[in-house]
Amino acid sequence: MTMVLAILRARPEHADELDAALRDVAGRTAGEPGALAYSVARQDGGRFLVVERYADGPARDAHFAAPYVAGLLDRFPLLLAEEPVVEFAEVVTGFTR
């Protein structure tokens, strides 16, 4: 299983727009084969934490190739106040209830 962790800081005037876009992507991701989890958390100051889990690397790669994800990534220069921090890792342990 593979995980993606992203930290995004929205431009103040675009925080709600980024929020809506991430909610849209989360909803669409639920229908992707191999997508196991997708969580978005919003903090004060327009900071967003995104945690994603996929069955394997090909499922993760298919997610990032999806038109709705590519479209959001293309909008990052407008929406974000700074470069996103994105980490990829293999899950070694954990649980889901």
PDB file of N, CA and C in Angstrom:
ATOM      1  N   MET A   1       0.853  -1.167   0.000  1.00  0.00           N
ATOM      2  CA  MET A   1       0.000   0.000   0.000  1.00  0.00           C
ATOM      3  C   MET A   1       0.900   1.232   0.000  1.00  0.00           C
ATOM      4  N   THR A   2       0.501   2.234  -0.753  1.00  0.00           N
ATOM      5  CA  THR A   2       1.280   3.462  -0.853  1.00  0.00           C
ATOM      6  C   THR A   2       0.469   4.652  -0.350  1.00  0.00           C
ATOM      7  N   MET A   3       1.180   5.636   0.172  1.00  0.00           N
ATOM      8  CA  MET A   3       0.544   6.805   0.777  1.00  0.00           C
ATOM      9  C   MET A   3       1.106   8.076   0.145  1.00  0.00           C
ATOM     10  N   VAL A   4       0.259   9.083   0.063  1.00  0.00           N
ATOM     11  CA  VAL A   4       0.664  10.414  -0.363  1.00  0.00           C
ATOM     12  C   VAL A   4       0.252  11.369   0.746  1.00  0.00           C
ATOM     13  N   LEU A   5       1.163  12.252   1.130  1.00  0.00           N
ATOM     14  CA  LEU A   5       0.864  13.308   2.097  1.00  0.00           C
ATOM     15  C   LEU A   5       1.194  14.630   1.425  1.00  0.00           C
ATOM     16  N   ALA A   6       0.223  15.527   1.378  1.00  0.00           N
ATOM     17  CA  ALA A   6       0.443  16.841   0.778  1.00  0.00           C
ATOM     18  C   ALA A   6       0.078  17.922   1.780  1.00  0.00           C
ATOM     19  N   ILE A   7       0.891  18.952   1.828  1.00  0.00           N
ATOM     20  CA  ILE A   7       0.619  20.139   2.640  1.00  0.00           C
ATOM     21  C   ILE A   7       0.501  21.302   1.675  1.00  0.00           C
ATOM     22  N   LEU A   8      -0.661  21.938   1.687  1.00  0.00           N
ATOM     23  CA  LEU A   8      -0.967  23.017   0.755  1.00  0.00           C
ATOM     24  C   LEU A   8      -1.338  24.273   1.539  1.00  0.00           C
ATOM     25  N   ARG A   9      -0.773  25.408   1.153  1.00  0.00           N
ATOM     26  CA  ARG A   9      -1.148  26.681   1.778  1.00  0.00           C
ATOM     27  C   ARG A   9      -1.770  27.563   0.697  1.00  0.00           C
ATOM     28  N   ALA A  10      -3.064  27.817   0.852  1.00  0.00           N
ATOM     29  CA  ALA A  10      -3.806  28.586  -0.141  1.00  0.00           C
ATOM     30  C   ALA A  10      -3.516  30.075  -0.013  1.00  0.00           C
ATOM     31  N   ARG A  11      -3.591  30.776  -1.124  1.00  0.00           N
ATOM     32  CA  ARG A  11      -3.620  32.241  -1.067  1.00  0.00           C
ATOM     33  C   ARG A  11      -4.903  32.596  -0.322  1.00  0.00           C
ATOM     34  N   PRO A  12      -4.866  33.590   0.548  1.00  0.00           N
ATOM     35  CA  PRO A  12      -6.057  33.903   1.363  1.00  0.00           C
ATOM     36  C   PRO A  12      -7.335  34.082   0.547  1.00  0.00           C
ATOM     37  N   GLU A  13      -7.218  34.727  -0.590  1.00  0.00           N
ATOM     38  CA  GLU A  13      -8.407  34.990  -1.404  1.00  0.00           C
ATOM     39  C   GLU A  13      -8.892  33.759  -2.165  1.00  0.00           C
ATOM     40  N   HIS A  14      -8.115  32.658  -2.115  1.00  0.00           N
ATOM     41  CA  HIS A  14      -8.494  31.440  -2.834  1.00  0.00           C
ATOM     42  C   HIS A  14      -8.686  30.238  -1.919  1.00  0.00           C
ATOM     43  N   ALA A  15      -8.690  30.439  -0.608  1.00  0.00           N
ATOM     44  CA  ALA A  15      -8.802  29.309   0.326  1.00  0.00           C
ATOM     45  C   ALA A  15     -10.111  28.546   0.143  1.00  0.00           C
ATOM     46  N   ASP A  16     -11.209  29.247   0.011  1.00  0.00           N
ATOM     47  CA  ASP A  16     -12.492  28.558  -0.163  1.00  0.00           C
ATOM     48  C   ASP A  16     -12.568  27.844  -1.518  1.00  0.00           C
ATOM     49  N   GLU A  17     -11.958  28.431  -2.531  1.00  0.00           N
ATOM     50  CA  GLU A  17     -11.928  27.795  -3.847  1.00  0.00           C
ATOM     51  C   GLU A  17     -11.101  26.507  -3.802  1.00  0.00           C
ATOM     52  N   LEU A  18      -9.956  26.544  -3.100  1.00  0.00           N
ATOM     53  CA  LEU A  18      -9.147  25.339  -2.955  1.00  0.00           C
ATOM     54  C   LEU A  18      -9.901  24.292  -2.155  1.00  0.00           C
ATOM     55  N   ASP A  19     -10.584  24.714  -1.104  1.00  0.00           N
ATOM     56  CA  ASP A  19     -11.390  23.807  -0.291  1.00  0.00           C
ATOM     57  C   ASP A  19     -12.399  23.072  -1.175  1.00  0.00           C
ATOM     58  N   ALA A  20     -13.128  23.813  -1.989  1.00  0.00           N
ATOM     59  CA  ALA A  20     -14.140  23.207  -2.869  1.00  0.00           C
ATOM     60  C   ALA A  20     -13.504  22.264  -3.881  1.00  0.00           C
ATOM     61  N   ALA A  21     -12.364  22.642  -4.425  1.00  0.00           N
ATOM     62  CA  ALA A  21     -11.691  21.803  -5.413  1.00  0.00           C
ATOM     63  C   ALA A  21     -11.207  20.500  -4.787  1.00  0.00           C
ATOM     64  N   LEU A  22     -10.662  20.565  -3.580  1.00  0.00           N
ATOM     65  CA  LEU A  22     -10.198  19.352  -2.905  1.00  0.00           C
ATOM     66  C   LEU A  22     -11.366  18.441  -2.555  1.00  0.00           C
ATOM     67  N   ARG A  23     -12.492  19.016  -2.167  1.00  0.00           N
ATOM     68  CA  ARG A  23     -13.688  18.209  -1.896  1.00  0.00           C
ATOM     69  C   ARG A  23     -14.156  17.501  -3.161  1.00  0.00           C
ATOM     70  N   ASP A  24     -14.104  18.212  -4.278  1.00  0.00           N
ATOM     71  CA  ASP A  24     -14.504  17.616  -5.555  1.00  0.00           C
ATOM     72  C   ASP A  24     -13.582  16.451  -5.918  1.00  0.00           C
ATOM     73  N   VAL A  25     -12.279  16.662  -5.795  1.00  0.00           N
ATOM     74  CA  VAL A  25     -11.324  15.594  -6.113  1.00  0.00           C
ATOM     75  C   VAL A  25     -11.527  14.406  -5.174  1.00  0.00           C
ATOM     76  N   ALA A  26     -11.763  14.664  -3.902  1.00  0.00           N
ATOM     77  CA  ALA A  26     -11.989  13.569  -2.947  1.00  0.00           C
ATOM     78  C   ALA A  26     -13.192  12.726  -3.385  1.00  0.00           C
ATOM     79  N   GLY A  27     -14.265  13.382  -3.771  1.00  0.00           N
ATOM     80  CA  GLY A  27     -15.456  12.659  -4.207  1.00  0.00           C
ATOM     81  C   GLY A  27     -15.202  11.823  -5.445  1.00  0.00           C
ATOM     82  N   ARG A  28     -14.473  12.367  -6.395  1.00  0.00           N
ATOM     83  CA  ARG A  28     -14.171  11.625  -7.621  1.00  0.00           C
ATOM     84  C   ARG A  28     -13.194  10.480  -7.356  1.00  0.00           C
ATOM     85  N   THR A  29     -12.248  10.706  -6.440  1.00  0.00           N
ATOM     86  CA  THR A  29     -11.252   9.683  -6.122  1.00  0.00           C
ATOM     87  C   THR A  29     -11.911   8.449  -5.527  1.00  0.00           C
ATOM     88  N   ALA A  30     -13.022   8.624  -4.835  1.00  0.00           N
ATOM     89  CA  ALA A  30     -13.726   7.485  -4.228  1.00  0.00           C
ATOM     90  C   ALA A  30     -14.109   6.435  -5.262  1.00  0.00           C
ATOM     91  N   GLY A  31     -14.277   6.828  -6.511  1.00  0.00           N
ATOM     92  CA  GLY A  31     -14.650   5.890  -7.557  1.00  0.00           C
ATOM     93  C   GLY A  31     -13.475   5.261  -8.291  1.00  0.00           C
ATOM     94  N   GLU A  32     -12.262   5.624  -7.927  1.00  0.00           N
ATOM     95  CA  GLU A  32     -11.092   5.088  -8.611  1.00  0.00           C
ATOM     96  C   GLU A  32     -10.749   3.690  -8.101  1.00  0.00           C
ATOM     97  N   PRO A  33     -10.484   2.749  -9.016  1.00  0.00           N
ATOM     98  CA  PRO A  33     -10.018   1.440  -8.559  1.00  0.00           C
ATOM     99  C   PRO A  33      -8.652   1.607  -7.889  1.00  0.00           C
ATOM    100  N   GLY A  34      -8.475   0.965  -6.773  1.00  0.00           N
ATOM    101  CA  GLY A  34      -7.198   1.038  -6.074  1.00  0.00           C
ATOM    102  C   GLY A  34      -7.071   2.185  -5.098  1.00  0.00           C
ATOM    103  N   ALA A  35      -8.028   3.118  -5.093  1.00  0.00           N
ATOM    104  CA  ALA A  35      -8.020   4.201  -4.109  1.00  0.00           C
ATOM    105  C   ALA A  35      -8.639   3.677  -2.821  1.00  0.00           C
ATOM    106  N   LEU A  36      -7.889   3.736  -1.735  1.00  0.00           N
ATOM    107  CA  LEU A  36      -8.349   3.182  -0.455  1.00  0.00           C
ATOM    108  C   LEU A  36      -8.817   4.247   0.518  1.00  0.00           C
ATOM    109  N   ALA A  37      -8.221   5.432   0.465  1.00  0.00           N
ATOM    110  CA  ALA A  37      -8.595   6.505   1.398  1.00  0.00           C
ATOM    111  C   ALA A  37      -8.134   7.837   0.830  1.00  0.00           C
ATOM    112  N   TYR A  38      -8.893   8.889   1.156  1.00  0.00           N
ATOM    113  CA  TYR A  38      -8.538  10.247   0.734  1.00  0.00           C
ATOM    114  C   TYR A  38      -9.138  11.169   1.774  1.00  0.00           C
ATOM    115  N   SER A  39      -8.287  11.835   2.532  1.00  0.00           N
ATOM    116  CA  SER A  39      -8.752  12.727   3.594  1.00  0.00           C
ATOM    117  C   SER A  39      -8.181  14.118   3.379  1.00  0.00           C
ATOM    118  N   VAL A  40      -9.018  15.126   3.617  1.00  0.00           N
ATOM    119  CA  VAL A  40      -8.581  16.518   3.543  1.00  0.00           C
ATOM    120  C   VAL A  40      -8.915  17.168   4.876  1.00  0.00           C
ATOM    121  N   ALA A  41      -7.920  17.843   5.458  1.00  0.00           N
ATOM    122  CA  ALA A  41      -8.130  18.598   6.695  1.00  0.00           C
ATOM    123  C   ALA A  41      -7.750  20.050   6.421  1.00  0.00           C
ATOM    124  N   ARG A  42      -8.547  20.962   6.980  1.00  0.00           N
ATOM    125  CA  ARG A  42      -8.283  22.399   6.794  1.00  0.00           C
ATOM    126  C   ARG A  42      -7.893  22.999   8.132  1.00  0.00           C
ATOM    127  N   GLN A  43      -6.813  23.759   8.120  1.00  0.00           N
ATOM    128  CA  GLN A  43      -6.341  24.442   9.315  1.00  0.00           C
ATOM    129  C   GLN A  43      -6.505  25.949   9.141  1.00  0.00           C
ATOM    130  N   ASP A  44      -6.348  26.667  10.232  1.00  0.00           N
ATOM    131  CA  ASP A  44      -6.367  28.124  10.156  1.00  0.00           C
ATOM    132  C   ASP A  44      -5.276  28.597   9.205  1.00  0.00           C
ATOM    133  N   GLY A  45      -5.492  29.757   8.622  1.00  0.00           N
ATOM    134  CA  GLY A  45      -4.488  30.324   7.732  1.00  0.00           C
ATOM    135  C   GLY A  45      -4.492  29.742   6.334  1.00  0.00           C
ATOM    136  N   GLY A  46      -5.549  29.007   5.979  1.00  0.00           N
ATOM    137  CA  GLY A  46      -5.644  28.462   4.627  1.00  0.00           C
ATOM    138  C   GLY A  46      -4.696  27.316   4.348  1.00  0.00           C
ATOM    139  N   ARG A  47      -4.327  26.604   5.399  1.00  0.00           N
ATOM    140  CA  ARG A  47      -3.432  25.449   5.247  1.00  0.00           C
ATOM    141  C   ARG A  47      -4.276  24.180   5.178  1.00  0.00           C
ATOM    142  N   PHE A  48      -3.954  23.318   4.207  1.00  0.00           N
ATOM    143  CA  PHE A  48      -4.681  22.069   4.004  1.00  0.00           C
ATOM    144  C   PHE A  48      -3.716  20.906   4.096  1.00  0.00           C
ATOM    145  N   LEU A  49      -4.148  19.832   4.730  1.00  0.00           N
ATOM    146  CA  LEU A  49      -3.405  18.580   4.781  1.00  0.00           C
ATOM    147  C   LEU A  49      -4.212  17.549   4.006  1.00  0.00           C
ATOM    148  N   VAL A  50      -3.569  16.878   3.081  1.00  0.00           N
ATOM    149  CA  VAL A  50      -4.229  15.860   2.267  1.00  0.00           C
ATOM    150  C   VAL A  50      -3.477  14.551   2.477  1.00  0.00           C
ATOM    151  N   VAL A  51      -4.202  13.510   2.879  1.00  0.00           N
ATOM    152  CA  VAL A  51      -3.618  12.190   3.087  1.00  0.00           C
ATOM    153  C   VAL A  51      -4.374  11.215   2.193  1.00  0.00           C
ATOM    154  N   GLU A  52      -3.623  10.520   1.351  1.00  0.00           N
ATOM    155  CA  GLU A  52      -4.212   9.593   0.387  1.00  0.00           C
ATOM    156  C   GLU A  52      -3.555   8.226   0.546  1.00  0.00           C
ATOM    157  N   ARG A  53      -4.341   7.174   0.338  1.00  0.00           N
ATOM    158  CA  ARG A  53      -3.794   5.810   0.348  1.00  0.00           C
ATOM    159  C   ARG A  53      -4.300   5.066  -0.877  1.00  0.00           C
ATOM    160  N   TYR A  54      -3.372   4.344  -1.504  1.00  0.00           N
ATOM    161  CA  TYR A  54      -3.688   3.576  -2.704  1.00  0.00           C
ATOM    162  C   TYR A  54      -3.167   2.159  -2.544  1.00  0.00           C
ATOM    163  N   ALA A  55      -3.784   1.222  -3.236  1.00  0.00           N
ATOM    164  CA  ALA A  55      -3.388  -0.177  -3.142  1.00  0.00           C
ATOM    165  C   ALA A  55      -1.942  -0.384  -3.571  1.00  0.00           C
ATOM    166  N   ASP A  56      -1.501   0.411  -4.566  1.00  0.00           N
ATOM    167  CA  ASP A  56      -0.140   0.244  -5.082  1.00  0.00           C
ATOM    168  C   ASP A  56       0.246   1.480  -5.893  1.00  0.00           C
ATOM    169  N   GLY A  57       1.489   1.475  -6.365  1.00  0.00           N
ATOM    170  CA  GLY A  57       1.995   2.592  -7.151  1.00  0.00           C
ATOM    171  C   GLY A  57       1.207   2.850  -8.428  1.00  0.00           C
ATOM    172  N   PRO A  58       0.837   1.810  -9.191  1.00  0.00           N
ATOM    173  CA  PRO A  58       0.050   2.070 -10.400  1.00  0.00           C
ATOM    174  C   PRO A  58      -1.303   2.738 -10.106  1.00  0.00           C
ATOM    175  N   ALA A  59      -1.942   2.391  -9.008  1.00  0.00           N
ATOM    176  CA  ALA A  59      -3.206   3.051  -8.649  1.00  0.00           C
ATOM    177  C   ALA A  59      -2.962   4.517  -8.315  1.00  0.00           C
ATOM    178  N   ARG A  60      -1.880   4.791  -7.588  1.00  0.00           N
ATOM    179  CA  ARG A  60      -1.511   6.174  -7.267  1.00  0.00           C
ATOM    180  C   ARG A  60      -1.226   6.949  -8.549  1.00  0.00           C
ATOM    181  N   ASP A  61      -0.460   6.350  -9.453  1.00  0.00           N
ATOM    182  CA  ASP A  61      -0.104   7.025 -10.695  1.00  0.00           C
ATOM    183  C   ASP A  61      -1.337   7.297 -11.555  1.00  0.00           C
ATOM    184  N   ALA A  62      -2.273   6.352 -11.569  1.00  0.00           N
ATOM    185  CA  ALA A  62      -3.521   6.555 -12.322  1.00  0.00           C
ATOM    186  C   ALA A  62      -4.310   7.718 -11.742  1.00  0.00           C
ATOM    187  N   HIS A  63      -4.298   7.847 -10.422  1.00  0.00           N
ATOM    188  CA  HIS A  63      -4.982   8.972  -9.780  1.00  0.00           C
ATOM    189  C   HIS A  63      -4.403  10.298 -10.265  1.00  0.00           C
ATOM    190  N   PHE A  64      -3.081  10.420 -10.228  1.00  0.00           N
ATOM    191  CA  PHE A  64      -2.460  11.685 -10.627  1.00  0.00           C
ATOM    192  C   PHE A  64      -2.615  11.964 -12.118  1.00  0.00           C
ATOM    193  N   ALA A  65      -2.865  10.930 -12.911  1.00  0.00           N
ATOM    194  CA  ALA A  65      -3.080  11.114 -14.347  1.00  0.00           C
ATOM    195  C   ALA A  65      -4.533  11.454 -14.689  1.00  0.00           C
ATOM    196  N   ALA A  66      -5.441  11.301 -13.720  1.00  0.00           N
ATOM    197  CA  ALA A  66      -6.855  11.588 -13.979  1.00  0.00           C
ATOM    198  C   ALA A  66      -7.025  13.064 -14.351  1.00  0.00           C
ATOM    199  N   PRO A  67      -7.897  13.368 -15.314  1.00  0.00           N
ATOM    200  CA  PRO A  67      -8.061  14.753 -15.771  1.00  0.00           C
ATOM    201  C   PRO A  67      -8.432  15.726 -14.655  1.00  0.00           C
ATOM    202  N   TYR A  68      -9.261  15.311 -13.712  1.00  0.00           N
ATOM    203  CA  TYR A  68      -9.666  16.217 -12.639  1.00  0.00           C
ATOM    204  C   TYR A  68      -8.528  16.512 -11.666  1.00  0.00           C
ATOM    205  N   VAL A  69      -7.592  15.587 -11.508  1.00  0.00           N
ATOM    206  CA  VAL A  69      -6.420  15.846 -10.661  1.00  0.00           C
ATOM    207  C   VAL A  69      -5.438  16.730 -11.424  1.00  0.00           C
ATOM    208  N   ALA A  70      -5.166  16.384 -12.675  1.00  0.00           N
ATOM    209  CA  ALA A  70      -4.255  17.193 -13.483  1.00  0.00           C
ATOM    210  C   ALA A  70      -4.763  18.630 -13.595  1.00  0.00           C
ATOM    211  N   GLY A  71      -6.070  18.791 -13.738  1.00  0.00           N
ATOM    212  CA  GLY A  71      -6.649  20.128 -13.821  1.00  0.00           C
ATOM    213  C   GLY A  71      -6.435  20.929 -12.548  1.00  0.00           C
ATOM    214  N   LEU A  72      -6.581  20.275 -11.397  1.00  0.00           N
ATOM    215  CA  LEU A  72      -6.340  20.966 -10.129  1.00  0.00           C
ATOM    216  C   LEU A  72      -4.863  21.320  -9.989  1.00  0.00           C
ATOM    217  N   LEU A  73      -3.983  20.397 -10.322  1.00  0.00           N
ATOM    218  CA  LEU A  73      -2.549  20.676 -10.227  1.00  0.00           C
ATOM    219  C   LEU A  73      -2.167  21.860 -11.116  1.00  0.00           C
ATOM    220  N   ASP A  74      -2.791  21.979 -12.274  1.00  0.00           N
ATOM    221  CA  ASP A  74      -2.521  23.106 -13.169  1.00  0.00           C
ATOM    222  C   ASP A  74      -2.943  24.435 -12.545  1.00  0.00           C
ATOM    223  N   ARG A  75      -3.919  24.407 -11.644  1.00  0.00           N
ATOM    224  CA  ARG A  75      -4.423  25.625 -10.997  1.00  0.00           C
ATOM    225  C   ARG A  75      -3.629  26.005  -9.747  1.00  0.00           C
ATOM    226  N   PHE A  76      -2.723  25.137  -9.301  1.00  0.00           N
ATOM    227  CA  PHE A  76      -1.967  25.414  -8.081  1.00  0.00           C
ATOM    228  C   PHE A  76      -1.241  26.762  -8.107  1.00  0.00           C
ATOM    229  N   PRO A  77      -0.608  27.184  -9.201  1.00  0.00           N
ATOM    230  CA  PRO A  77       0.071  28.489  -9.163  1.00  0.00           C
ATOM    231  C   PRO A  77      -0.870  29.647  -8.813  1.00  0.00           C
ATOM    232  N   LEU A  78      -2.118  29.564  -9.221  1.00  0.00           N
ATOM    233  CA  LEU A  78      -3.101  30.594  -8.885  1.00  0.00           C
ATOM    234  C   LEU A  78      -3.605  30.434  -7.454  1.00  0.00           C
ATOM    235  N   LEU A  79      -3.858  29.202  -7.029  1.00  0.00           N
ATOM    236  CA  LEU A  79      -4.510  28.940  -5.746  1.00  0.00           C
ATOM    237  C   LEU A  79      -3.574  28.959  -4.546  1.00  0.00           C
ATOM    238  N   LEU A  80      -2.307  28.585  -4.746  1.00  0.00           N
ATOM    239  CA  LEU A  80      -1.406  28.382  -3.615  1.00  0.00           C
ATOM    240  C   LEU A  80      -0.479  29.574  -3.394  1.00  0.00           C
ATOM    241  N   ALA A  81      -0.218  29.833  -2.110  1.00  0.00           N
ATOM    242  CA  ALA A  81       0.679  30.919  -1.724  1.00  0.00           C
ATOM    243  C   ALA A  81       2.143  30.495  -1.780  1.00  0.00           C
ATOM    244  N   GLU A  82       2.391  29.197  -1.794  1.00  0.00           N
ATOM    245  CA  GLU A  82       3.762  28.676  -1.839  1.00  0.00           C
ATOM    246  C   GLU A  82       3.744  27.294  -2.482  1.00  0.00           C
ATOM    247  N   GLU A  83       4.910  26.791  -2.808  1.00  0.00           N
ATOM    248  CA  GLU A  83       5.008  25.468  -3.410  1.00  0.00           C
ATOM    249  C   GLU A  83       4.411  24.416  -2.469  1.00  0.00           C
ATOM    250  N   PRO A  84       3.670  23.453  -3.010  1.00  0.00           N
ATOM    251  CA  PRO A  84       3.135  22.400  -2.147  1.00  0.00           C
ATOM    252  C   PRO A  84       4.263  21.484  -1.666  1.00  0.00           C
ATOM    253  N   VAL A  85       4.063  20.912  -0.500  1.00  0.00           N
ATOM    254  CA  VAL A  85       4.961  19.879   0.007  1.00  0.00           C
ATOM    255  C   VAL A  85       4.243  18.562  -0.226  1.00  0.00           C
ATOM    256  N   VAL A  86       4.851  17.666  -0.983  1.00  0.00           N
ATOM    257  CA  VAL A  86       4.224  16.387  -1.310  1.00  0.00           C
ATOM    258  C   VAL A  86       5.234  15.279  -1.032  1.00  0.00           C
ATOM    259  N   GLU A  87       4.800  14.298  -0.236  1.00  0.00           N
ATOM    260  CA  GLU A  87       5.643  13.158   0.117  1.00  0.00           C
ATOM    261  C   GLU A  87       4.954  11.870  -0.308  1.00  0.00           C
ATOM    262  N   PHE A  88       5.734  10.915  -0.784  1.00  0.00           N
ATOM    263  CA  PHE A  88       5.251   9.592  -1.167  1.00  0.00           C
ATOM    264  C   PHE A  88       5.945   8.575  -0.270  1.00  0.00           C
ATOM    265  N   ALA A  89       5.201   7.567   0.190  1.00  0.00           N
ATOM    266  CA  ALA A  89       5.794   6.556   1.066  1.00  0.00           C
ATOM    267  C   ALA A  89       5.024   5.252   0.952  1.00  0.00           C
ATOM    268  N   GLU A  90       5.690   4.176   1.317  1.00  0.00           N
ATOM    269  CA  GLU A  90       5.045   2.880   1.431  1.00  0.00           C
ATOM    270  C   GLU A  90       4.579   2.716   2.870  1.00  0.00           C
ATOM    271  N   VAL A  91       3.340   2.321   3.059  1.00  0.00           N
ATOM    272  CA  VAL A  91       2.785   2.126   4.401  1.00  0.00           C
ATOM    273  C   VAL A  91       3.369   0.854   4.993  1.00  0.00           C
ATOM    274  N   VAL A  92       3.880   0.943   6.205  1.00  0.00           N
ATOM    275  CA  VAL A  92       4.462  -0.234   6.864  1.00  0.00           C
ATOM    276  C   VAL A  92       3.584  -0.769   7.981  1.00  0.00           C
ATOM    277  N   THR A  93       2.717   0.061   8.537  1.00  0.00           N
ATOM    278  CA  THR A  93       1.791  -0.393   9.569  1.00  0.00           C
ATOM    279  C   THR A  93       0.695   0.643   9.752  1.00  0.00           C
ATOM    280  N   GLY A  94      -0.364   0.277  10.448  1.00  0.00           N
ATOM    281  CA  GLY A  94      -1.463   1.191  10.730  1.00  0.00           C
ATOM    282  C   GLY A  94      -2.770   0.437  10.817  1.00  0.00           C
ATOM    283  N   PHE A  95      -3.855   1.195  10.960  1.00  0.00           N
ATOM    284  CA  PHE A  95      -5.177   0.581  11.014  1.00  0.00           C
ATOM    285  C   PHE A  95      -6.218   1.569  10.542  1.00  0.00           C
ATOM    286  N   THR A  96      -7.380   1.046  10.190  1.00  0.00           N
ATOM    287  CA  THR A  96      -8.534   1.847   9.815  1.00  0.00           C
ATOM    288  C   THR A  96      -9.734   1.260  10.527  1.00  0.00           C
ATOM    289  N   ARG A  97     -10.545   2.096  11.123  1.00  0.00           N
ATOM    290  CA  ARG A  97     -11.771   1.626  11.771  1.00  0.00           C
ATOM    291  C   ARG A  97     -12.956   1.951  10.931  1.00  0.00           C
TER     292      ARG A  97
END
